[in-house]
Amino acid sequence: MIEPKAIRLQDRPPVWLISLVAITIGCSYSAIKKAHKPESLQTAIVQASAEPEDAEEAIETPTEERSLGRYTYQYFAGEPYQPYFRLLDGDLEVFRNSVDKASYKLLALESEPNCFVAHISASQPVIVVEQTLETNSEDAKESRQYLILELASPIKLLATLDSGSNQFVLRKITDKNNIEQVELAGNDQLDAWGQQPVSPKVAFELGVLNQTAPAKLSLQRSSPRKKEQLLKQSKELRALFADLETFEEVPITFAPAELAAEMADLIYEGNSKQAKFLFDHSWPPHRKGKAQFERAFKAELAKGQFSDQVAALNHP
């Protein structure tokens, strides 16, 4: 049997050496902990905080953005939030508009596609935003509004134009006195007369918008046409009645669509008396149905989107 050999005192390692080894092991373990675990935790925190920032940035990316000098226009059309547009003064939001199921379009001047700011006076810059409401029905027409905003501090909503399904453009014109004006121009849509649509021209002047509260736009009045021009038109229109004689069983109220269109244009310009003059001189003396046509025509005018403004324009 082999006896275990006793360890002599002089063979034991010194106490200072044992302490040194213990300290070295402890320091190495602490260094490993600091080098690995905190780094992993820090990485996780950075990743967790980065994800919401990325999501927020994706939500706040505008569908359309335009620089308007001091201001910036932004339109947001993305899901899951309701579409809206806003105006920024630097980084500060100073105006926002949002309507359920609406889309927005910033109108440019018709002759200057890169210009979105119009001046209705020397010190009154405005923008026009088209707001289109979607419909769920295939038969229903889109509904549009035009918001006229003054770029002032604070931003002012000068007027809102309800245009129904009619689409307008922002136009700069020069009047007979060589003064530039800005208007919203388009057409109203009446029921077809015969087989042709009747779409009287419509123009709303923006230069009158200087009230402190939102105002209702009024139709722009046009200068009366010369009598010689109306007489020439009446002869051309009367000749069109001859084409109707080739049809059998023509309704008594039927007349050339061109007559209804010219009369509607004159009335929408504020010249209803001239429309009556053109009507009387265009209708052939031997043809029946004049009174019936006039009643039917007035009934169609009453269905127009701007019938109230048209009536006010002709009866100030």
Protein backbone atom coordinates (compact mmCIF):
# COMPACT_ATOMS: atom_id res chain seq x y z
CA MET A 1 0.00 0.00 0.00
CA ILE A 2 1.32 3.33 -1.02
CA GLU A 3 1.19 5.94 1.71
CA PRO A 4 0.29 9.53 0.68
CA LYS A 5 3.25 11.73 0.89
CA ALA A 6 2.95 14.60 3.28
CA ILE A 7 3.38 18.04 1.88
CA ARG A 8 6.12 19.85 3.47
CA LEU A 9 5.70 23.45 4.49
CA GLN A 10 8.52 24.55 2.32
CA ASP A 11 6.85 22.90 -0.74
CA ARG A 12 3.63 25.01 -0.37
CA PRO A 13 3.27 28.10 -2.72
CA PRO A 14 3.71 31.40 -0.97
CA VAL A 15 0.59 33.25 0.26
CA TRP A 16 1.35 36.29 -1.89
CA LEU A 17 1.35 34.14 -5.01
CA ILE A 18 -2.04 32.66 -4.21
CA SER A 19 -3.49 36.15 -3.68
CA LEU A 20 -2.03 37.37 -6.96
CA VAL A 21 -3.60 34.51 -8.90
CA ALA A 22 -6.99 35.12 -7.25
CA ILE A 23 -6.89 38.83 -8.11
CA THR A 24 -5.90 38.09 -11.72
CA ILE A 25 -8.79 35.63 -12.17
CA GLY A 26 -11.26 38.10 -10.65
CA CYS A 27 -10.15 40.96 -12.91
CA SER A 28 -10.31 38.77 -15.99
CA TYR A 29 -13.88 37.69 -15.15
CA SER A 30 -15.00 41.31 -14.65
CA ALA A 31 -13.44 42.35 -17.93
CA ILE A 32 -15.25 39.55 -19.76
CA LYS A 33 -18.60 40.60 -18.21
CA LYS A 34 -18.10 44.23 -19.23
CA ALA A 35 -16.96 43.31 -22.70
CA HIS A 36 -19.92 41.08 -23.58
CA LYS A 37 -23.09 41.47 -21.55
CA PRO A 38 -23.39 45.31 -21.51
CA GLU A 39 -22.61 45.45 -25.22
CA SER A 40 -25.39 43.00 -26.02
CA LEU A 41 -27.82 44.95 -23.84
CA GLN A 42 -26.79 48.25 -25.44
CA THR A 43 -27.26 46.81 -28.93
CA ALA A 44 -30.75 45.61 -28.02
CA ILE A 45 -31.70 49.04 -26.68
CA VAL A 46 -30.46 50.78 -29.85
CA GLN A 47 -32.39 48.36 -32.08
CA ALA A 48 -35.56 48.72 -30.05
CA SER A 49 -35.40 52.52 -30.14
CA ALA A 50 -34.57 52.62 -33.86
CA GLU A 51 -37.66 50.67 -34.94
CA PRO A 52 -40.27 53.26 -33.82
CA GLU A 53 -38.25 56.07 -35.41
CA ASP A 54 -38.24 54.23 -38.74
CA ALA A 55 -41.97 53.57 -38.50
CA GLU A 56 -42.68 57.23 -37.65
CA GLU A 57 -40.58 58.40 -40.57
CA ALA A 58 -42.49 56.12 -42.96
CA ILE A 59 -45.85 57.47 -41.73
CA GLU A 60 -44.79 61.11 -41.99
CA THR A 61 -43.41 60.93 -45.52
CA PRO A 62 -45.61 63.27 -47.64
CA THR A 63 -47.14 62.08 -50.90
CA GLU A 64 -46.62 65.56 -52.36
CA GLU A 65 -44.50 68.46 -51.14
CA ARG A 66 -44.17 71.95 -52.64
CA SER A 67 -42.08 74.92 -51.57
CA LEU A 68 -44.13 78.13 -51.42
CA GLY A 69 -41.41 80.52 -50.39
CA ARG A 70 -41.71 80.99 -46.65
CA TYR A 71 -44.24 78.15 -46.43
CA THR A 72 -44.21 74.47 -47.42
CA TYR A 73 -47.24 72.53 -48.64
CA GLN A 74 -47.44 68.82 -47.79
CA TYR A 75 -50.10 66.27 -48.73
CA PHE A 76 -50.33 62.90 -46.96
CA ALA A 77 -52.40 60.21 -48.63
CA GLY A 78 -51.03 57.03 -47.05
CA GLU A 79 -52.75 54.40 -44.94
CA PRO A 80 -53.76 53.80 -42.21
CA TYR A 81 -54.35 57.45 -41.39
CA GLN A 82 -56.94 59.78 -42.91
CA PRO A 83 -55.56 61.83 -45.84
CA TYR A 84 -54.77 65.46 -45.08
CA PHE A 85 -52.74 68.43 -46.23
CA ARG A 86 -50.89 70.95 -44.14
CA LEU A 87 -48.81 74.11 -44.40
CA LEU A 88 -45.52 74.54 -42.57
CA ASP A 89 -43.80 77.77 -41.61
CA GLY A 90 -40.27 76.42 -41.32
CA ASP A 91 -40.74 73.32 -39.14
CA LEU A 92 -43.91 74.63 -37.50
CA GLU A 93 -47.30 73.41 -38.72
CA VAL A 94 -49.55 76.46 -39.16
CA PHE A 95 -52.54 74.98 -41.05
CA ARG A 96 -54.07 71.53 -41.51
CA ASN A 97 -57.20 70.29 -43.31
CA SER A 98 -58.60 66.79 -43.31
CA VAL A 99 -61.94 65.36 -44.46
CA ASP A 100 -62.92 61.71 -44.47
CA LYS A 101 -62.44 59.95 -47.85
CA ALA A 102 -60.97 63.06 -49.47
CA SER A 103 -57.94 63.60 -51.69
CA TYR A 104 -56.13 66.88 -52.24
CA LYS A 105 -54.39 68.65 -55.10
CA LEU A 106 -52.53 71.96 -55.05
CA LEU A 107 -53.50 73.92 -58.17
CA ALA A 108 -50.83 75.49 -60.33
CA LEU A 109 -51.48 78.48 -62.57
CA GLU A 110 -52.71 77.24 -65.93
CA SER A 111 -50.05 79.14 -67.90
CA GLU A 112 -47.27 78.51 -65.35
CA PRO A 113 -47.31 74.83 -64.30
CA ASN A 114 -44.54 75.31 -61.73
CA CYS A 115 -46.17 78.31 -60.03
CA PHE A 116 -48.57 77.54 -57.18
CA VAL A 117 -48.82 80.99 -55.57
CA ALA A 118 -51.11 83.59 -57.15
CA HIS A 119 -51.35 87.25 -56.15
CA ILE A 120 -54.89 88.61 -56.09
CA SER A 121 -53.40 91.93 -55.02
CA ALA A 122 -49.91 93.35 -54.61
CA SER A 123 -49.70 92.12 -51.01
CA GLN A 124 -52.13 89.21 -50.98
CA PRO A 125 -50.64 85.87 -52.14
CA VAL A 126 -53.04 82.91 -52.22
CA ILE A 127 -53.04 79.22 -53.04
CA VAL A 128 -55.95 77.05 -54.16
CA VAL A 129 -56.34 73.45 -52.99
CA GLU A 130 -58.76 71.09 -54.73
CA GLN A 131 -60.54 68.74 -52.32
CA THR A 132 -62.21 65.74 -53.99
CA LEU A 133 -64.60 63.54 -52.04
CA GLU A 134 -64.70 59.91 -53.10
CA THR A 135 -68.00 58.08 -53.60
CA ASN A 136 -68.80 54.43 -53.00
CA SER A 137 -71.48 54.30 -55.66
CA GLU A 138 -70.57 53.83 -59.33
CA ASP A 139 -73.44 56.07 -60.39
CA ALA A 140 -72.60 58.92 -58.00
CA LYS A 141 -70.36 61.69 -59.25
CA GLU A 142 -67.32 63.00 -57.43
CA SER A 143 -67.87 66.05 -55.30
CA ARG A 144 -65.27 68.82 -55.34
CA GLN A 145 -64.49 71.86 -53.27
CA TYR A 146 -61.86 74.52 -53.87
CA LEU A 147 -60.23 76.06 -50.80
CA ILE A 148 -58.71 79.52 -51.32
CA LEU A 149 -56.05 80.19 -48.68
CA GLU A 150 -54.17 83.42 -48.10
CA LEU A 151 -50.50 82.94 -47.24
CA ALA A 152 -50.50 85.28 -44.29
CA SER A 153 -49.66 85.05 -40.61
CA PRO A 154 -51.92 83.43 -39.56
CA ILE A 155 -53.04 81.46 -42.64
CA LYS A 156 -56.54 82.58 -43.68
CA LEU A 157 -59.26 80.59 -45.42
CA LEU A 158 -60.71 83.28 -47.68
CA ALA A 159 -63.43 81.23 -49.39
CA THR A 160 -64.64 77.75 -50.29
CA LEU A 161 -66.18 77.01 -53.68
CA ASP A 162 -68.54 74.02 -53.92
CA SER A 163 -68.27 72.95 -57.55
CA GLY A 164 -70.16 69.64 -57.50
CA SER A 165 -68.59 67.40 -60.13
CA ASN A 166 -67.20 70.37 -62.08
CA GLN A 167 -63.43 70.75 -62.28
CA PHE A 168 -61.74 74.15 -62.32
CA VAL A 169 -58.35 75.61 -63.21
CA LEU A 170 -56.48 78.54 -61.69
CA ARG A 171 -56.02 81.14 -64.39
CA LYS A 172 -54.30 84.51 -64.71
CA ILE A 173 -55.96 86.92 -67.13
CA THR A 174 -55.46 90.53 -68.24
CA ASP A 175 -58.55 92.73 -68.38
CA LYS A 176 -59.27 95.51 -70.86
CA ASN A 177 -57.36 97.95 -68.64
CA ASN A 178 -54.23 95.73 -68.78
CA ILE A 179 -54.67 94.79 -65.11
CA GLU A 180 -53.85 91.21 -64.20
CA GLN A 181 -56.52 89.24 -62.40
CA VAL A 182 -56.72 85.71 -61.02
CA GLU A 183 -59.79 83.55 -61.46
CA LEU A 184 -61.09 80.03 -61.01
CA ALA A 185 -62.45 79.01 -64.39
CA GLY A 186 -64.32 75.97 -65.65
CA ASN A 187 -67.74 74.85 -66.86
CA ASP A 188 -71.08 73.93 -65.40
CA GLN A 189 -72.73 70.77 -66.71
CA LEU A 190 -76.38 70.93 -67.72
CA ASP A 191 -78.37 68.01 -69.08
CA ALA A 192 -77.76 67.22 -72.72
CA TRP A 193 -79.95 69.19 -75.12
CA GLY A 194 -80.79 66.84 -77.93
CA GLN A 195 -77.65 64.76 -78.33
CA GLN A 196 -75.11 67.37 -77.26
CA PRO A 197 -74.08 68.51 -73.77
CA VAL A 198 -74.61 72.11 -72.72
CA SER A 199 -71.63 73.30 -70.65
CA PRO A 200 -71.74 77.04 -69.97
CA LYS A 201 -68.45 78.67 -69.07
CA VAL A 202 -67.96 79.68 -65.44
CA ALA A 203 -65.43 82.13 -63.97
CA PHE A 204 -65.02 83.23 -60.36
CA GLU A 205 -62.77 86.24 -59.77
CA LEU A 206 -60.54 85.97 -56.70
CA GLY A 207 -59.55 89.62 -56.50
CA VAL A 208 -62.61 90.53 -54.45
CA LEU A 209 -61.60 88.26 -51.55
CA ASN A 210 -60.39 90.66 -48.90
CA GLN A 211 -62.88 90.05 -46.11
CA THR A 212 -61.74 88.97 -42.67
CA ALA A 213 -64.21 86.06 -42.60
CA PRO A 214 -64.61 83.35 -45.29
CA ALA A 215 -66.66 84.76 -48.15
CA LYS A 216 -68.83 83.22 -50.83
CA LEU A 217 -67.40 83.50 -54.32
CA SER A 218 -69.48 85.26 -56.94
CA LEU A 219 -69.56 84.69 -60.66
CA GLN A 220 -67.58 87.12 -62.76
CA ARG A 221 -69.63 89.38 -65.00
CA SER A 222 -68.59 89.76 -68.66
CA SER A 223 -69.08 92.74 -70.92
CA PRO A 224 -72.16 92.59 -73.18
CA ARG A 225 -71.63 91.39 -76.72
CA LYS A 226 -72.15 93.76 -79.60
CA LYS A 227 -75.53 93.75 -81.32
CA GLU A 228 -73.94 93.02 -84.70
CA GLN A 229 -72.32 89.90 -83.27
CA LEU A 230 -75.62 88.66 -81.85
CA LEU A 231 -77.45 89.21 -85.15
CA LYS A 232 -74.79 87.26 -87.02
CA GLN A 233 -75.06 84.39 -84.52
CA SER A 234 -78.85 84.37 -84.75
CA LYS A 235 -78.72 83.86 -88.53
CA GLU A 236 -76.33 80.94 -88.14
CA LEU A 237 -78.49 79.38 -85.45
CA ARG A 238 -81.72 79.79 -87.42
CA ALA A 239 -80.16 77.91 -90.31
CA LEU A 240 -79.60 74.92 -88.02
CA PHE A 241 -83.34 74.53 -87.54
CA ALA A 242 -83.59 73.35 -91.15
CA ASP A 243 -81.76 70.16 -90.22
CA LEU A 244 -84.52 69.29 -87.76
CA GLU A 245 -87.11 69.18 -90.56
CA THR A 246 -85.54 65.94 -91.82
CA PHE A 247 -86.51 64.10 -88.59
CA GLU A 248 -89.98 62.70 -88.02
CA GLU A 249 -91.82 63.22 -84.74
CA VAL A 250 -89.42 65.83 -83.43
CA PRO A 251 -90.49 66.99 -79.91
CA ILE A 252 -92.06 70.42 -79.95
CA THR A 253 -89.42 71.71 -77.49
CA PHE A 254 -86.52 70.41 -79.57
CA ALA A 255 -84.05 72.99 -80.90
CA PRO A 256 -80.40 72.98 -81.92
CA ALA A 257 -78.10 72.36 -78.96
CA GLU A 258 -75.98 75.29 -80.16
CA LEU A 259 -78.88 77.67 -79.37
CA ALA A 260 -79.18 76.39 -75.81
CA ALA A 261 -75.39 76.56 -75.37
CA GLU A 262 -75.09 80.16 -76.60
CA MET A 263 -78.02 81.28 -74.46
CA ALA A 264 -76.55 79.55 -71.39
CA ASP A 265 -73.15 81.20 -71.93
CA LEU A 266 -74.75 84.65 -72.11
CA ILE A 267 -76.80 84.08 -68.97
CA TYR A 268 -73.78 82.76 -67.04
CA GLU A 269 -71.95 85.95 -68.07
CA GLY A 270 -74.72 88.09 -66.58
CA ASN A 271 -76.23 89.02 -69.94
CA SER A 272 -79.70 87.45 -69.76
CA LYS A 273 -81.25 90.26 -71.82
CA GLN A 274 -78.87 89.49 -74.66
CA ALA A 275 -79.73 85.79 -74.34
CA LYS A 276 -83.40 86.71 -74.83
CA PHE A 277 -82.49 88.84 -77.86
CA LEU A 278 -80.53 85.96 -79.42
CA PHE A 279 -83.38 83.55 -78.71
CA ASP A 280 -86.04 85.74 -80.30
CA HIS A 281 -83.99 86.36 -83.45
CA SER A 282 -82.86 82.75 -83.86
CA TRP A 283 -86.22 80.99 -83.58
CA PRO A 284 -87.89 80.66 -87.01
CA PRO A 285 -91.23 82.54 -87.18
CA HIS A 286 -93.14 79.56 -88.59
CA ARG A 287 -91.85 77.05 -86.06
CA LYS A 288 -94.03 76.10 -83.09
CA GLY A 289 -92.83 75.28 -79.60
CA LYS A 290 -90.95 78.48 -78.77
CA ALA A 291 -92.72 79.04 -75.42
CA GLN A 292 -92.37 75.36 -74.49
CA PHE A 293 -88.66 75.42 -75.30
CA GLU A 294 -88.14 78.52 -73.17
CA ARG A 295 -89.83 76.91 -70.17
CA ALA A 296 -87.83 73.70 -70.58
CA PHE A 297 -84.58 75.66 -70.94
CA LYS A 298 -85.20 77.65 -67.74
CA ALA A 299 -85.97 74.41 -65.90
CA GLU A 300 -82.58 73.03 -66.98
CA LEU A 301 -80.80 76.20 -65.84
CA ALA A 302 -82.34 75.78 -62.39
CA LYS A 303 -80.63 72.38 -62.08
CA GLY A 304 -77.14 73.84 -62.53
CA GLN A 305 -74.62 73.73 -59.71
CA PHE A 306 -74.39 77.54 -59.70
CA SER A 307 -78.03 78.40 -60.33
CA ASP A 308 -78.23 80.74 -57.30
CA GLN A 309 -75.12 82.67 -58.34
CA VAL A 310 -76.40 82.85 -61.94
CA ALA A 311 -79.71 84.29 -60.77
CA ALA A 312 -77.94 86.85 -58.55
CA LEU A 313 -75.66 87.84 -61.41
CA ASN A 314 -78.61 88.64 -63.68
CA HIS A 315 -80.76 90.31 -61.01
CA PRO A 316 -78.38 92.37 -58.84
